[in-house]
Structure formats: structure tokens, C-alpha cells
Amino acid sequence: MTSPGKPTVLIIDDDQVVSQQLVSLLRAAGYPAKSALDPVQGFMVAQRERPGLILLDVNLPAGGGVRLLERLLKTTTTQLIPVVIITASEDPALEGEVRAKGAAGFIRKPVDTEKLVAAIGAALKPLAG
């Protein structure tokens, strides 16, 4: 059940099972959630619906996650939407790289519910003030 006033979270992940698990998890935490399975669809949904936050898998095909992060943050209609990166990558430098590009948060898979909700809250906090 979603809570009034909580922003919609757009999940962009090419793994349909993971995407649906994240939608269910976020809805259980009170967040309205939608999903997109590729960078093109994700960008179109983000522009059209302007979610409150984007949860983006950085490991989309052909480096699409990093390119999409850059595109979202350079596009007028989406540049103010916080983007939290989710990844299964163990690369220790990745978090610094995506944060330098403008990511508002970073979570490694498998996603822990409490850490996810905390990261979303932290990413949204600057917008609430």
C-alpha cells in the first residue's frame, strides 16, 4: 500500500525479475513504483511522468546505465530528479565514478530493504528542504 505524499520511484533495470521485486518492495514500503526494462524506455517514462526518484541499474547493456545517468542529468525535464544507482558490480571504484557523474545514491545488489529505503530517503531529503 502506498502512502500519500510519497513520490513515485521509477526503476530502470533490464532484469524483469529484479525489477518486479523492487517494485513490490517499494510498494510495501509505501512508495508508488513503476518500472522500465531498458534505457530508451526508461528515459521516455522519466521525461513523460517525471518521477520523484529514479532507481537505475548501472549495468544495462552496452554501458547504457552510465550513459543514461549522464543523459538524465543533462536533460532539462529530468535533471532535478535524484538518481540512485543499483548494481551487482563489485568494482570498488564504481561508486565514486557514478557519484562524480551526479548519482544521488549507490546500492549494491542483492538489495537490502532497509538500506534501499534509507538511500531513497537520503536522496529525497535535499528536495524536501
C-alpha atoms as a PDB file:
ATOM      1  CA  MET A   1       0.000   0.000   0.000  1.00  0.00           C
ATOM      2  CA  THR A   2       1.405   3.383  -0.988  1.00  0.00           C
ATOM      3  CA  SER A   3       1.433   6.351   1.349  1.00  0.00           C
ATOM      4  CA  PRO A   4       0.010   9.742   0.358  1.00  0.00           C
ATOM      5  CA  GLY A   5       2.711  12.240  -0.417  1.00  0.00           C
ATOM      6  CA  LYS A   6       5.479   9.749  -1.155  1.00  0.00           C
ATOM      7  CA  PRO A   7       6.977  10.324  -4.603  1.00  0.00           C
ATOM      8  CA  THR A   8       6.832   7.765  -7.375  1.00  0.00           C
ATOM      9  CA  VAL A   9      10.018   5.775  -7.916  1.00  0.00           C
ATOM     10  CA  LEU A  10      10.937   4.722 -11.454  1.00  0.00           C
ATOM     11  CA  ILE A  11      13.036   1.552 -11.584  1.00  0.00           C
ATOM     12  CA  ILE A  12      15.157   1.055 -14.697  1.00  0.00           C
ATOM     13  CA  ASP A  13      16.619  -2.453 -14.734  1.00  0.00           C
ATOM     14  CA  ASP A  14      16.863  -4.881 -17.644  1.00  0.00           C
ATOM     15  CA  ASP A  15      16.255  -7.900 -15.397  1.00  0.00           C
ATOM     16  CA  GLN A  16      12.473  -8.229 -15.278  1.00  0.00           C
ATOM     17  CA  VAL A  17      12.507 -10.405 -12.142  1.00  0.00           C
ATOM     18  CA  VAL A  18      14.688  -7.933 -10.217  1.00  0.00           C
ATOM     19  CA  SER A  19      12.615  -5.036 -11.492  1.00  0.00           C
ATOM     20  CA  GLN A  20       9.359  -6.594 -10.290  1.00  0.00           C
ATOM     21  CA  GLN A  21      10.903  -7.484  -6.928  1.00  0.00           C
ATOM     22  CA  LEU A  22      11.971  -3.866  -6.475  1.00  0.00           C
ATOM     23  CA  VAL A  23       8.505  -2.597  -7.446  1.00  0.00           C
ATOM     24  CA  SER A  24       6.928  -4.911  -4.856  1.00  0.00           C
ATOM     25  CA  LEU A  25       9.457  -3.987  -2.193  1.00  0.00           C
ATOM     26  CA  LEU A  26       8.971  -0.239  -2.741  1.00  0.00           C
ATOM     27  CA  ARG A  27       5.194  -0.504  -2.787  1.00  0.00           C
ATOM     28  CA  ALA A  28       5.343  -2.417   0.506  1.00  0.00           C
ATOM     29  CA  ALA A  29       7.432   0.479   1.886  1.00  0.00           C
ATOM     30  CA  GLY A  30       4.731   2.929   0.775  1.00  0.00           C
ATOM     31  CA  TYR A  31       6.273   4.239  -2.436  1.00  0.00           C
ATOM     32  CA  PRO A  32       4.348   4.238  -5.710  1.00  0.00           C
ATOM     33  CA  ALA A  33       6.669   2.458  -8.172  1.00  0.00           C
ATOM     34  CA  LYS A  34       6.919   1.829 -11.909  1.00  0.00           C
ATOM     35  CA  SER A  35       9.488   0.001 -13.978  1.00  0.00           C
ATOM     36  CA  ALA A  36      11.189   0.222 -17.351  1.00  0.00           C
ATOM     37  CA  LEU A  37      13.358  -2.536 -18.782  1.00  0.00           C
ATOM     38  CA  ASP A  38      15.794  -0.613 -20.978  1.00  0.00           C
ATOM     39  CA  PRO A  39      17.454   2.808 -21.188  1.00  0.00           C
ATOM     40  CA  VAL A  40      15.276   4.095 -24.042  1.00  0.00           C
ATOM     41  CA  GLN A  41      12.008   3.173 -22.342  1.00  0.00           C
ATOM     42  CA  GLY A  42      13.335   4.442 -19.009  1.00  0.00           C
ATOM     43  CA  PHE A  43      14.284   7.826 -20.459  1.00  0.00           C
ATOM     44  CA  MET A  44      10.894   8.204 -22.145  1.00  0.00           C
ATOM     45  CA  VAL A  45       8.999   7.309 -18.953  1.00  0.00           C
ATOM     46  CA  ALA A  46      11.177   9.668 -16.893  1.00  0.00           C
ATOM     47  CA  GLN A  47      10.509  12.562 -19.276  1.00  0.00           C
ATOM     48  CA  ARG A  48       6.785  11.873 -19.541  1.00  0.00           C
ATOM     49  CA  GLU A  49       5.994  11.101 -15.904  1.00  0.00           C
ATOM     50  CA  ARG A  50       8.752  12.935 -14.008  1.00  0.00           C
ATOM     51  CA  PRO A  51       9.052  10.544 -11.074  1.00  0.00           C
ATOM     52  CA  GLY A  52      10.294  11.729  -7.707  1.00  0.00           C
ATOM     53  CA  LEU A  53      13.310   9.427  -7.901  1.00  0.00           C
ATOM     54  CA  ILE A  54      14.939   7.017 -10.347  1.00  0.00           C
ATOM     55  CA  LEU A  55      16.482   3.727  -9.270  1.00  0.00           C
ATOM     56  CA  LEU A  56      18.904   2.902 -12.097  1.00  0.00           C
ATOM     57  CA  ASP A  57      20.795  -0.314 -12.761  1.00  0.00           C
ATOM     58  CA  VAL A  58      24.209   0.849 -13.912  1.00  0.00           C
ATOM     59  CA  ASN A  59      24.874  -2.478 -15.672  1.00  0.00           C
ATOM     60  CA  LEU A  60      22.422  -2.034 -18.532  1.00  0.00           C
ATOM     61  CA  PRO A  61      23.619  -3.440 -21.885  1.00  0.00           C
ATOM     62  CA  ALA A  62      26.431  -1.611 -23.697  1.00  0.00           C
ATOM     63  CA  GLY A  63      27.183   0.733 -20.795  1.00  0.00           C
ATOM     64  CA  GLY A  64      23.647   2.063 -21.027  1.00  0.00           C
ATOM     65  CA  GLY A  65      23.266   2.753 -17.314  1.00  0.00           C
ATOM     66  CA  VAL A  66      26.107   5.252 -17.092  1.00  0.00           C
ATOM     67  CA  ARG A  67      25.104   6.894 -20.377  1.00  0.00           C
ATOM     68  CA  LEU A  68      21.502   7.124 -19.202  1.00  0.00           C
ATOM     69  CA  LEU A  69      22.592   8.684 -15.891  1.00  0.00           C
ATOM     70  CA  GLU A  70      24.516  11.348 -17.814  1.00  0.00           C
ATOM     71  CA  ARG A  71      21.601  11.949 -20.203  1.00  0.00           C
ATOM     72  CA  LEU A  72      19.051  12.237 -17.383  1.00  0.00           C
ATOM     73  CA  LEU A  73      21.201  14.774 -15.545  1.00  0.00           C
ATOM     74  CA  LYS A  74      21.781  16.878 -18.687  1.00  0.00           C
ATOM     75  CA  THR A  75      18.149  16.988 -19.833  1.00  0.00           C
ATOM     76  CA  THR A  76      16.090  19.930 -18.587  1.00  0.00           C
ATOM     77  CA  THR A  77      12.972  17.884 -17.781  1.00  0.00           C
ATOM     78  CA  THR A  78      14.853  15.241 -15.768  1.00  0.00           C
ATOM     79  CA  GLN A  79      17.979  16.947 -14.395  1.00  0.00           C
ATOM     80  CA  LEU A  80      16.498  17.590 -10.946  1.00  0.00           C
ATOM     81  CA  ILE A  81      15.278  14.012 -10.420  1.00  0.00           C
ATOM     82  CA  PRO A  82      17.597  12.214  -7.971  1.00  0.00           C
ATOM     83  CA  VAL A  83      19.098   9.013  -9.379  1.00  0.00           C
ATOM     84  CA  VAL A  84      20.115   6.180  -7.063  1.00  0.00           C
ATOM     85  CA  ILE A  85      22.355   3.584  -8.702  1.00  0.00           C
ATOM     86  CA  ILE A  86      21.839  -0.127  -8.077  1.00  0.00           C
ATOM     87  CA  THR A  87      24.405  -2.654  -9.233  1.00  0.00           C
ATOM     88  CA  ALA A  88      25.685  -6.168  -8.832  1.00  0.00           C
ATOM     89  CA  SER A  89      29.187  -4.963  -9.730  1.00  0.00           C
ATOM     90  CA  GLU A  90      31.926  -5.483  -7.160  1.00  0.00           C
ATOM     91  CA  ASP A  91      34.109  -2.762  -8.716  1.00  0.00           C
ATOM     92  CA  PRO A  92      35.279  -0.670  -5.732  1.00  0.00           C
ATOM     93  CA  ALA A  93      35.761   2.442  -7.900  1.00  0.00           C
ATOM     94  CA  LEU A  94      32.265   2.382  -9.387  1.00  0.00           C
ATOM     95  CA  GLU A  95      30.525   4.226  -6.556  1.00  0.00           C
ATOM     96  CA  GLY A  96      32.948   7.152  -6.796  1.00  0.00           C
ATOM     97  CA  GLU A  97      32.610   7.247 -10.576  1.00  0.00           C
ATOM     98  CA  VAL A  98      28.808   7.422 -10.628  1.00  0.00           C
ATOM     99  CA  ARG A  99      28.640   9.854  -7.720  1.00  0.00           C
ATOM    100  CA  ALA A 100      31.081  12.114  -9.585  1.00  0.00           C
ATOM    101  CA  LYS A 101      28.691  11.990 -12.543  1.00  0.00           C
ATOM    102  CA  GLY A 102      25.816  13.102 -10.296  1.00  0.00           C
ATOM    103  CA  ALA A 103      24.235   9.989  -8.769  1.00  0.00           C
ATOM    104  CA  ALA A 104      22.431  10.791  -5.510  1.00  0.00           C
ATOM    105  CA  GLY A 105      22.963   7.326  -4.042  1.00  0.00           C
ATOM    106  CA  PHE A 106      24.513   3.912  -4.598  1.00  0.00           C
ATOM    107  CA  ILE A 107      23.343   0.440  -3.549  1.00  0.00           C
ATOM    108  CA  ARG A 108      24.844  -2.962  -4.304  1.00  0.00           C
ATOM    109  CA  LYS A 109      22.706  -5.969  -5.172  1.00  0.00           C
ATOM    110  CA  PRO A 110      21.292  -8.020  -3.624  1.00  0.00           C
ATOM    111  CA  VAL A 111      19.285  -5.075  -2.336  1.00  0.00           C
ATOM    112  CA  ASP A 112      18.630  -4.894   1.395  1.00  0.00           C
ATOM    113  CA  THR A 113      15.182  -3.358   2.034  1.00  0.00           C
ATOM    114  CA  GLU A 114      16.282  -1.124   4.908  1.00  0.00           C
ATOM    115  CA  LYS A 115      19.315   0.178   3.003  1.00  0.00           C
ATOM    116  CA  LEU A 116      17.187   0.827  -0.081  1.00  0.00           C
ATOM    117  CA  VAL A 117      14.550   2.788   1.825  1.00  0.00           C
ATOM    118  CA  ALA A 118      17.299   4.725   3.652  1.00  0.00           C
ATOM    119  CA  ALA A 119      19.071   5.555   0.374  1.00  0.00           C
ATOM    120  CA  ILE A 120      15.817   6.749  -1.184  1.00  0.00           C
ATOM    121  CA  GLY A 121      15.059   8.885   1.869  1.00  0.00           C
ATOM    122  CA  ALA A 122      18.558  10.386   1.815  1.00  0.00           C
ATOM    123  CA  ALA A 123      18.333  11.141  -1.917  1.00  0.00           C
ATOM    124  CA  LEU A 124      14.936  12.811  -1.484  1.00  0.00           C
ATOM    125  CA  LYS A 125      15.882  14.806   1.635  1.00  0.00           C
ATOM    126  CA  PRO A 126      17.574  17.710  -0.228  1.00  0.00           C
ATOM    127  CA  LEU A 127      14.363  18.150  -2.261  1.00  0.00           C
ATOM    128  CA  ALA A 128      12.178  18.323   0.845  1.00  0.00           C
ATOM    129  CA  GLY A 129      14.050  21.306   2.289  1.00  0.00           C
END
